[in-house]
Amino acid sequence: MATAVGTEILAGTPALSTQKSLRRRQSFKRDLRPEERTDLTIEEAEELAQGHSFELIEGRMVFKMPDRKHSKIQAALTTKLFNYFEQNPIGEVLPEFSLRLWPENVHRLPTPDVAVFLNENIHVEEKYATRAPDLAIEIVSDDDKAAAVFAKARMYLEKGSRVVWIVFPLEKSVVIMTPTGRRWESNALTCPELLPGFSIQVAQIFSELERNPSPASKKTSAKANTNGKSRSRRK
């Protein structure tokens, strides 16, 4: 009987050890900030993101935190494309739309800055697209590495994109990539193979970066603030 009990204890030891090791790993994960972990799943990242835009790169969560320059360029392109589709209902434009390009891989979720899908590739039942956008747009931030951005563009092309635009604010130019090559564009952006009749001057994309509020609008804003304060004091 004593031997049997001893055997049971010995037999249970590996299981207990495994449970303790698992608890230690789980505790270690909880102590790490989301961006420090390298094993996050899409479901876990969604919960941790709390509605903020992010990408999941091999289990590592990267929050997308665009600055004013990035945001203005993104807004200019999205607005122009939205207006185009209002007149030509052949597709849709989606900023910050994540892609589930590897359905079996729960650790990867790229998110282009702007995605354009033609109608035949829109599946409204999908939470995330399982195909790269027909036109993917990436805006290079100051801390981005060019090699990583180009690698991302090639990945989009391999997964179904027909055209990728990479916007370089510092150079005030755009790289246009297709499966057969790439070129710099500093005049007009067009995409006849996908968007017949669409055109936007490259200078227009960057024009908002240099625009400051006019003195008149500043005075109007200041006057409004002053009037608001006066009304508050009277109350």
C-alpha atoms as a PDB file:
ATOM      1  CA  MET A   1       0.000   0.000   0.000  1.00  0.00           C
ATOM      2  CA  ALA A   2       2.800   2.379   0.909  1.00  0.00           C
ATOM      3  CA  THR A   3       4.509   1.576  -2.358  1.00  0.00           C
ATOM      4  CA  ALA A   4       1.319   2.214  -4.315  1.00  0.00           C
ATOM      5  CA  VAL A   5       0.837   5.587  -2.654  1.00  0.00           C
ATOM      6  CA  GLY A   6       4.450   6.455  -3.338  1.00  0.00           C
ATOM      7  CA  THR A   7       3.989   5.463  -6.950  1.00  0.00           C
ATOM      8  CA  GLU A   8       0.901   7.661  -7.253  1.00  0.00           C
ATOM      9  CA  ILE A   9       2.798  10.613  -5.805  1.00  0.00           C
ATOM     10  CA  LEU A  10       5.707  10.037  -8.150  1.00  0.00           C
ATOM     11  CA  ALA A  11       3.368   9.635 -11.101  1.00  0.00           C
ATOM     12  CA  GLY A  12       1.665  12.894 -10.259  1.00  0.00           C
ATOM     13  CA  THR A  13       4.872  14.876  -9.865  1.00  0.00           C
ATOM     14  CA  PRO A  14       5.433  15.667 -13.587  1.00  0.00           C
ATOM     15  CA  ALA A  15       1.836  16.880 -13.899  1.00  0.00           C
ATOM     16  CA  LEU A  16       2.202  19.146 -10.869  1.00  0.00           C
ATOM     17  CA  SER A  17       5.504  20.429 -12.189  1.00  0.00           C
ATOM     18  CA  THR A  18       3.936  21.132 -15.586  1.00  0.00           C
ATOM     19  CA  GLN A  19       1.044  23.006 -13.978  1.00  0.00           C
ATOM     20  CA  LYS A  20       3.419  25.145 -11.913  1.00  0.00           C
ATOM     21  CA  SER A  21       5.501  25.896 -15.005  1.00  0.00           C
ATOM     22  CA  LEU A  22       2.359  26.856 -16.937  1.00  0.00           C
ATOM     23  CA  ARG A  23       1.225  29.157 -14.113  1.00  0.00           C
ATOM     24  CA  ARG A  24       4.655  30.815 -14.066  1.00  0.00           C
ATOM     25  CA  ARG A  25       4.522  31.401 -17.828  1.00  0.00           C
ATOM     26  CA  GLN A  26       1.004  32.824 -17.584  1.00  0.00           C
ATOM     27  CA  SER A  27       2.076  35.124 -14.747  1.00  0.00           C
ATOM     28  CA  PHE A  28       5.113  36.247 -16.791  1.00  0.00           C
ATOM     29  CA  LYS A  29       2.855  37.051 -19.756  1.00  0.00           C
ATOM     30  CA  ARG A  30       0.568  39.134 -17.561  1.00  0.00           C
ATOM     31  CA  ASP A  31       3.553  41.143 -16.317  1.00  0.00           C
ATOM     32  CA  LEU A  32       4.667  42.027 -19.854  1.00  0.00           C
ATOM     33  CA  ARG A  33       3.299  45.041 -21.696  1.00  0.00           C
ATOM     34  CA  PRO A  34       1.358  44.040 -24.850  1.00  0.00           C
ATOM     35  CA  GLU A  35       4.092  45.346 -27.156  1.00  0.00           C
ATOM     36  CA  GLU A  36       6.684  43.211 -25.327  1.00  0.00           C
ATOM     37  CA  ARG A  37       4.932  39.925 -25.975  1.00  0.00           C
ATOM     38  CA  THR A  38       5.749  37.817 -29.030  1.00  0.00           C
ATOM     39  CA  ASP A  39       3.017  35.194 -28.739  1.00  0.00           C
ATOM     40  CA  LEU A  40      -0.173  37.221 -28.946  1.00  0.00           C
ATOM     41  CA  THR A  41      -3.105  35.902 -30.933  1.00  0.00           C
ATOM     42  CA  ILE A  42      -5.472  38.101 -32.927  1.00  0.00           C
ATOM     43  CA  GLU A  43      -8.189  37.633 -30.305  1.00  0.00           C
ATOM     44  CA  GLU A  44      -5.853  38.634 -27.456  1.00  0.00           C
ATOM     45  CA  ALA A  45      -4.526  41.639 -29.384  1.00  0.00           C
ATOM     46  CA  GLU A  46      -8.066  42.857 -30.128  1.00  0.00           C
ATOM     47  CA  GLU A  47      -8.915  42.793 -26.444  1.00  0.00           C
ATOM     48  CA  LEU A  48      -5.712  44.576 -25.449  1.00  0.00           C
ATOM     49  CA  ALA A  49      -6.031  47.205 -28.198  1.00  0.00           C
ATOM     50  CA  GLN A  50      -9.376  48.456 -26.833  1.00  0.00           C
ATOM     51  CA  GLY A  51     -10.376  49.895 -30.188  1.00  0.00           C
ATOM     52  CA  HIS A  52      -6.997  51.401 -31.100  1.00  0.00           C
ATOM     53  CA  SER A  53      -5.463  50.634 -34.481  1.00  0.00           C
ATOM     54  CA  PHE A  54      -2.729  48.003 -34.391  1.00  0.00           C
ATOM     55  CA  GLU A  55      -0.875  45.412 -36.407  1.00  0.00           C
ATOM     56  CA  LEU A  56       0.091  41.938 -35.295  1.00  0.00           C
ATOM     57  CA  ILE A  57       3.460  40.845 -36.647  1.00  0.00           C
ATOM     58  CA  GLU A  58       4.389  37.264 -35.767  1.00  0.00           C
ATOM     59  CA  GLY A  59       2.691  37.545 -32.399  1.00  0.00           C
ATOM     60  CA  ARG A  60       4.081  41.017 -31.638  1.00  0.00           C
ATOM     61  CA  MET A  61       1.565  43.832 -31.262  1.00  0.00           C
ATOM     62  CA  VAL A  62       2.470  47.157 -32.871  1.00  0.00           C
ATOM     63  CA  PHE A  63       0.198  50.094 -32.139  1.00  0.00           C
ATOM     64  CA  LYS A  64      -0.316  52.476 -35.040  1.00  0.00           C
ATOM     65  CA  MET A  65       0.152  56.001 -33.718  1.00  0.00           C
ATOM     66  CA  PRO A  66       0.193  58.385 -36.694  1.00  0.00           C
ATOM     67  CA  ASP A  67       1.424  61.939 -36.223  1.00  0.00           C
ATOM     68  CA  ARG A  68      -0.243  65.028 -37.709  1.00  0.00           C
ATOM     69  CA  LYS A  69       1.666  64.720 -40.992  1.00  0.00           C
ATOM     70  CA  HIS A  70       0.696  61.074 -41.448  1.00  0.00           C
ATOM     71  CA  SER A  71      -2.931  61.751 -40.524  1.00  0.00           C
ATOM     72  CA  LYS A  72      -3.305  64.647 -42.969  1.00  0.00           C
ATOM     73  CA  ILE A  73      -1.920  62.616 -45.878  1.00  0.00           C
ATOM     74  CA  GLN A  74      -4.146  59.679 -44.982  1.00  0.00           C
ATOM     75  CA  ALA A  75      -7.183  61.975 -44.796  1.00  0.00           C
ATOM     76  CA  ALA A  76      -6.376  63.620 -48.155  1.00  0.00           C
ATOM     77  CA  LEU A  77      -6.081  60.289 -49.963  1.00  0.00           C
ATOM     78  CA  THR A  78      -9.093  58.726 -48.264  1.00  0.00           C
ATOM     79  CA  THR A  79     -11.284  61.750 -49.043  1.00  0.00           C
ATOM     80  CA  LYS A  80     -10.231  61.851 -52.688  1.00  0.00           C
ATOM     81  CA  LEU A  81     -10.865  58.124 -53.122  1.00  0.00           C
ATOM     82  CA  PHE A  82     -14.191  58.301 -51.250  1.00  0.00           C
ATOM     83  CA  ASN A  83     -15.369  61.096 -53.548  1.00  0.00           C
ATOM     84  CA  TYR A  84     -14.261  59.070 -56.566  1.00  0.00           C
ATOM     85  CA  PHE A  85     -16.342  56.072 -55.467  1.00  0.00           C
ATOM     86  CA  GLU A  86     -19.326  58.327 -54.800  1.00  0.00           C
ATOM     87  CA  GLN A  87     -19.281  59.165 -58.522  1.00  0.00           C
ATOM     88  CA  ASN A  88     -18.010  55.755 -59.672  1.00  0.00           C
ATOM     89  CA  PRO A  89     -19.480  53.010 -57.457  1.00  0.00           C
ATOM     90  CA  ILE A  90     -17.011  50.326 -58.465  1.00  0.00           C
ATOM     91  CA  GLY A  91     -15.425  49.777 -55.056  1.00  0.00           C
ATOM     92  CA  GLU A  92     -14.735  51.235 -51.623  1.00  0.00           C
ATOM     93  CA  VAL A  93     -11.914  52.805 -49.634  1.00  0.00           C
ATOM     94  CA  LEU A  94     -11.177  51.690 -46.073  1.00  0.00           C
ATOM     95  CA  PRO A  95      -8.558  53.336 -43.847  1.00  0.00           C
ATOM     96  CA  GLU A  96      -6.927  51.163 -41.176  1.00  0.00           C
ATOM     97  CA  PHE A  97      -8.642  47.956 -42.306  1.00  0.00           C
ATOM     98  CA  SER A  98      -6.861  44.849 -41.020  1.00  0.00           C
ATOM     99  CA  LEU A  99      -6.171  41.817 -43.201  1.00  0.00           C
ATOM    100  CA  ARG A 100      -6.383  38.143 -42.235  1.00  0.00           C
ATOM    101  CA  LEU A 101      -4.208  36.946 -45.111  1.00  0.00           C
ATOM    102  CA  TRP A 102      -3.216  33.694 -43.409  1.00  0.00           C
ATOM    103  CA  PRO A 103      -6.477  32.242 -41.979  1.00  0.00           C
ATOM    104  CA  GLU A 104      -4.586  29.450 -40.231  1.00  0.00           C
ATOM    105  CA  ASN A 105      -2.108  31.865 -38.609  1.00  0.00           C
ATOM    106  CA  VAL A 106      -3.556  33.614 -35.539  1.00  0.00           C
ATOM    107  CA  HIS A 107      -0.372  35.639 -34.950  1.00  0.00           C
ATOM    108  CA  ARG A 108      -0.386  37.843 -38.070  1.00  0.00           C
ATOM    109  CA  LEU A 109      -2.719  40.732 -38.872  1.00  0.00           C
ATOM    110  CA  PRO A 110      -1.265  43.463 -41.125  1.00  0.00           C
ATOM    111  CA  THR A 111      -3.128  46.765 -41.425  1.00  0.00           C
ATOM    112  CA  PRO A 112      -2.457  49.045 -44.414  1.00  0.00           C
ATOM    113  CA  ASP A 113      -2.944  52.780 -43.910  1.00  0.00           C
ATOM    114  CA  VAL A 114      -5.516  52.853 -46.714  1.00  0.00           C
ATOM    115  CA  ALA A 115      -7.079  49.913 -48.548  1.00  0.00           C
ATOM    116  CA  VAL A 116      -9.089  50.000 -51.773  1.00  0.00           C
ATOM    117  CA  PHE A 117     -11.243  47.039 -52.778  1.00  0.00           C
ATOM    118  CA  LEU A 118     -13.144  46.694 -56.033  1.00  0.00           C
ATOM    119  CA  ASN A 119     -16.709  45.434 -55.720  1.00  0.00           C
ATOM    120  CA  GLU A 120     -15.909  41.903 -56.853  1.00  0.00           C
ATOM    121  CA  ASN A 121     -13.459  41.528 -53.969  1.00  0.00           C
ATOM    122  CA  ILE A 122     -15.667  42.969 -51.212  1.00  0.00           C
ATOM    123  CA  HIS A 123     -17.086  40.393 -48.799  1.00  0.00           C
ATOM    124  CA  VAL A 124     -19.141  42.236 -46.206  1.00  0.00           C
ATOM    125  CA  GLU A 125     -19.537  39.112 -44.095  1.00  0.00           C
ATOM    126  CA  GLU A 126     -15.800  39.082 -43.350  1.00  0.00           C
ATOM    127  CA  LYS A 127     -14.615  40.882 -40.249  1.00  0.00           C
ATOM    128  CA  TYR A 128     -11.139  41.033 -41.798  1.00  0.00           C
ATOM    129  CA  ALA A 129     -10.348  40.704 -45.478  1.00  0.00           C
ATOM    130  CA  THR A 130      -8.733  37.398 -46.398  1.00  0.00           C
ATOM    131  CA  ARG A 131      -7.275  38.895 -49.563  1.00  0.00           C
ATOM    132  CA  ALA A 132      -4.967  41.874 -49.938  1.00  0.00           C
ATOM    133  CA  PRO A 133      -6.660  45.048 -51.222  1.00  0.00           C
ATOM    134  CA  ASP A 134      -6.624  45.748 -54.943  1.00  0.00           C
ATOM    135  CA  LEU A 135      -4.791  48.976 -54.099  1.00  0.00           C
ATOM    136  CA  ALA A 136      -2.851  49.173 -50.836  1.00  0.00           C
ATOM    137  CA  ILE A 137      -1.428  52.462 -49.593  1.00  0.00           C
ATOM    138  CA  GLU A 138       1.302  52.852 -46.992  1.00  0.00           C
ATOM    139  CA  ILE A 139       2.451  56.217 -45.635  1.00  0.00           C
ATOM    140  CA  VAL A 140       6.048  56.200 -44.432  1.00  0.00           C
ATOM    141  CA  SER A 141       6.477  57.647 -40.953  1.00  0.00           C
ATOM    142  CA  ASP A 142       9.692  59.166 -39.636  1.00  0.00           C
ATOM    143  CA  ASP A 143      10.546  56.044 -37.641  1.00  0.00           C
ATOM    144  CA  ASP A 144       9.762  53.547 -40.410  1.00  0.00           C
ATOM    145  CA  LYS A 145      12.556  51.576 -42.048  1.00  0.00           C
ATOM    146  CA  ALA A 146      12.313  51.717 -45.845  1.00  0.00           C
ATOM    147  CA  ALA A 147      13.288  48.055 -46.201  1.00  0.00           C
ATOM    148  CA  ALA A 148      10.431  46.975 -43.929  1.00  0.00           C
ATOM    149  CA  VAL A 149       7.911  49.116 -45.830  1.00  0.00           C
ATOM    150  CA  PHE A 150       8.999  47.706 -49.197  1.00  0.00           C
ATOM    151  CA  ALA A 151       8.836  44.169 -47.762  1.00  0.00           C
ATOM    152  CA  LYS A 152       5.282  44.873 -46.651  1.00  0.00           C
ATOM    153  CA  ALA A 153       4.408  46.156 -50.121  1.00  0.00           C
ATOM    154  CA  ARG A 154       5.795  42.993 -51.716  1.00  0.00           C
ATOM    155  CA  MET A 155       3.714  40.928 -49.292  1.00  0.00           C
ATOM    156  CA  TYR A 156       0.558  42.766 -50.396  1.00  0.00           C
ATOM    157  CA  LEU A 157       1.401  42.056 -54.044  1.00  0.00           C
ATOM    158  CA  GLU A 158       2.033  38.379 -53.303  1.00  0.00           C
ATOM    159  CA  LYS A 159      -1.336  38.170 -51.551  1.00  0.00           C
ATOM    160  CA  GLY A 160      -3.415  39.704 -54.320  1.00  0.00           C
ATOM    161  CA  SER A 161      -2.801  43.460 -54.540  1.00  0.00           C
ATOM    162  CA  ARG A 162      -2.413  44.754 -58.070  1.00  0.00           C
ATOM    163  CA  VAL A 163      -0.936  48.110 -57.105  1.00  0.00           C
ATOM    164  CA  VAL A 164       0.745  49.494 -53.985  1.00  0.00           C
ATOM    165  CA  TRP A 165       1.430  53.166 -53.329  1.00  0.00           C
ATOM    166  CA  ILE A 166       4.145  54.028 -50.820  1.00  0.00           C
ATOM    167  CA  VAL A 167       3.949  57.679 -49.818  1.00  0.00           C
ATOM    168  CA  PHE A 168       7.209  59.355 -48.754  1.00  0.00           C
ATOM    169  CA  PRO A 169       6.370  62.686 -47.037  1.00  0.00           C
ATOM    170  CA  LEU A 170      10.011  63.752 -46.708  1.00  0.00           C
ATOM    171  CA  GLU A 171      10.653  63.353 -50.445  1.00  0.00           C
ATOM    172  CA  LYS A 172       7.116  64.534 -51.283  1.00  0.00           C
ATOM    173  CA  SER A 173       6.899  61.698 -53.735  1.00  0.00           C
ATOM    174  CA  VAL A 174       5.206  58.325 -54.117  1.00  0.00           C
ATOM    175  CA  VAL A 175       6.576  54.940 -55.134  1.00  0.00           C
ATOM    176  CA  ILE A 176       4.158  52.950 -57.291  1.00  0.00           C
ATOM    177  CA  MET A 177       4.707  49.190 -57.089  1.00  0.00           C
ATOM    178  CA  THR A 178       3.138  46.496 -59.241  1.00  0.00           C
ATOM    179  CA  PRO A 179       3.982  42.791 -59.655  1.00  0.00           C
ATOM    180  CA  THR A 180       6.220  43.725 -62.595  1.00  0.00           C
ATOM    181  CA  GLY A 181       8.175  46.670 -61.192  1.00  0.00           C
ATOM    182  CA  ARG A 182       8.204  49.979 -59.372  1.00  0.00           C
ATOM    183  CA  ARG A 183       8.735  53.648 -60.117  1.00  0.00           C
ATOM    184  CA  TRP A 184       8.766  57.048 -58.412  1.00  0.00           C
ATOM    185  CA  GLU A 185       5.950  59.486 -59.126  1.00  0.00           C
ATOM    186  CA  SER A 186       6.027  63.178 -58.194  1.00  0.00           C
ATOM    187  CA  ASN A 187       3.439  64.594 -60.604  1.00  0.00           C
ATOM    188  CA  ALA A 188       0.026  62.902 -60.747  1.00  0.00           C
ATOM    189  CA  LEU A 189      -1.175  59.665 -59.170  1.00  0.00           C
ATOM    190  CA  THR A 190      -3.397  57.633 -61.462  1.00  0.00           C
ATOM    191  CA  CYS A 191      -4.456  53.999 -61.490  1.00  0.00           C
ATOM    192  CA  PRO A 192      -6.104  53.279 -64.852  1.00  0.00           C
ATOM    193  CA  GLU A 193      -5.955  49.511 -64.399  1.00  0.00           C
ATOM    194  CA  LEU A 194      -8.192  49.768 -61.311  1.00  0.00           C
ATOM    195  CA  LEU A 195      -9.685  53.270 -61.133  1.00  0.00           C
ATOM    196  CA  PRO A 196     -10.466  54.674 -64.591  1.00  0.00           C
ATOM    197  CA  GLY A 197     -10.440  58.454 -64.584  1.00  0.00           C
ATOM    198  CA  PHE A 198      -8.991  58.791 -61.093  1.00  0.00           C
ATOM    199  CA  SER A 199      -6.221  61.344 -60.662  1.00  0.00           C
ATOM    200  CA  ILE A 200      -4.722  63.359 -57.844  1.00  0.00           C
ATOM    201  CA  GLN A 201      -1.739  65.662 -58.006  1.00  0.00           C
ATOM    202  CA  VAL A 202       1.052  64.483 -55.726  1.00  0.00           C
ATOM    203  CA  ALA A 203       1.580  68.092 -54.617  1.00  0.00           C
ATOM    204  CA  GLN A 204      -2.063  68.172 -53.469  1.00  0.00           C
ATOM    205  CA  ILE A 205      -1.451  65.249 -51.125  1.00  0.00           C
ATOM    206  CA  PHE A 206       1.225  67.227 -49.323  1.00  0.00           C
ATOM    207  CA  SER A 207      -0.306  70.698 -49.605  1.00  0.00           C
ATOM    208  CA  GLU A 208      -2.174  70.390 -46.311  1.00  0.00           C
ATOM    209  CA  LEU A 209       1.138  69.852 -44.506  1.00  0.00           C
ATOM    210  CA  GLU A 210       2.191  73.420 -45.248  1.00  0.00           C
ATOM    211  CA  ARG A 211      -1.176  75.078 -44.660  1.00  0.00           C
ATOM    212  CA  ASN A 212      -1.520  77.054 -41.422  1.00  0.00           C
ATOM    213  CA  PRO A 213      -4.706  78.656 -40.135  1.00  0.00           C
ATOM    214  CA  SER A 214      -5.101  82.140 -41.616  1.00  0.00           C
ATOM    215  CA  PRO A 215      -4.839  85.169 -39.291  1.00  0.00           C
ATOM    216  CA  ALA A 216      -8.557  85.812 -39.877  1.00  0.00           C
ATOM    217  CA  SER A 217      -9.535  82.333 -38.719  1.00  0.00           C
ATOM    218  CA  LYS A 218      -7.278  82.679 -35.676  1.00  0.00           C
ATOM    219  CA  LYS A 219      -8.955  85.993 -34.770  1.00  0.00           C
ATOM    220  CA  THR A 220     -12.405  84.478 -35.263  1.00  0.00           C
ATOM    221  CA  SER A 221     -11.460  81.559 -33.026  1.00  0.00           C
ATOM    222  CA  ALA A 222     -10.021  83.885 -30.374  1.00  0.00           C
ATOM    223  CA  LYS A 223     -13.123  86.091 -30.510  1.00  0.00           C
ATOM    224  CA  ALA A 224     -15.387  83.081 -30.119  1.00  0.00           C
ATOM    225  CA  ASN A 225     -13.407  81.932 -27.099  1.00  0.00           C
ATOM    226  CA  THR A 226     -13.584  85.425 -25.563  1.00  0.00           C
ATOM    227  CA  ASN A 227     -17.343  85.664 -26.107  1.00  0.00           C
ATOM    228  CA  GLY A 228     -17.795  82.235 -24.615  1.00  0.00           C
ATOM    229  CA  LYS A 229     -15.866  83.215 -21.495  1.00  0.00           C
ATOM    230  CA  SER A 230     -17.869  86.451 -21.154  1.00  0.00           C
ATOM    231  CA  ARG A 231     -21.140  84.559 -21.312  1.00  0.00           C
ATOM    232  CA  SER A 232     -19.869  82.113 -18.717  1.00  0.00           C
ATOM    233  CA  ARG A 233     -18.961  84.960 -16.329  1.00  0.00           C
ATOM    234  CA  ARG A 234     -22.408  86.580 -16.756  1.00  0.00           C
ATOM    235  CA  LYS A 235     -24.070  83.331 -15.844  1.00  0.00           C
END
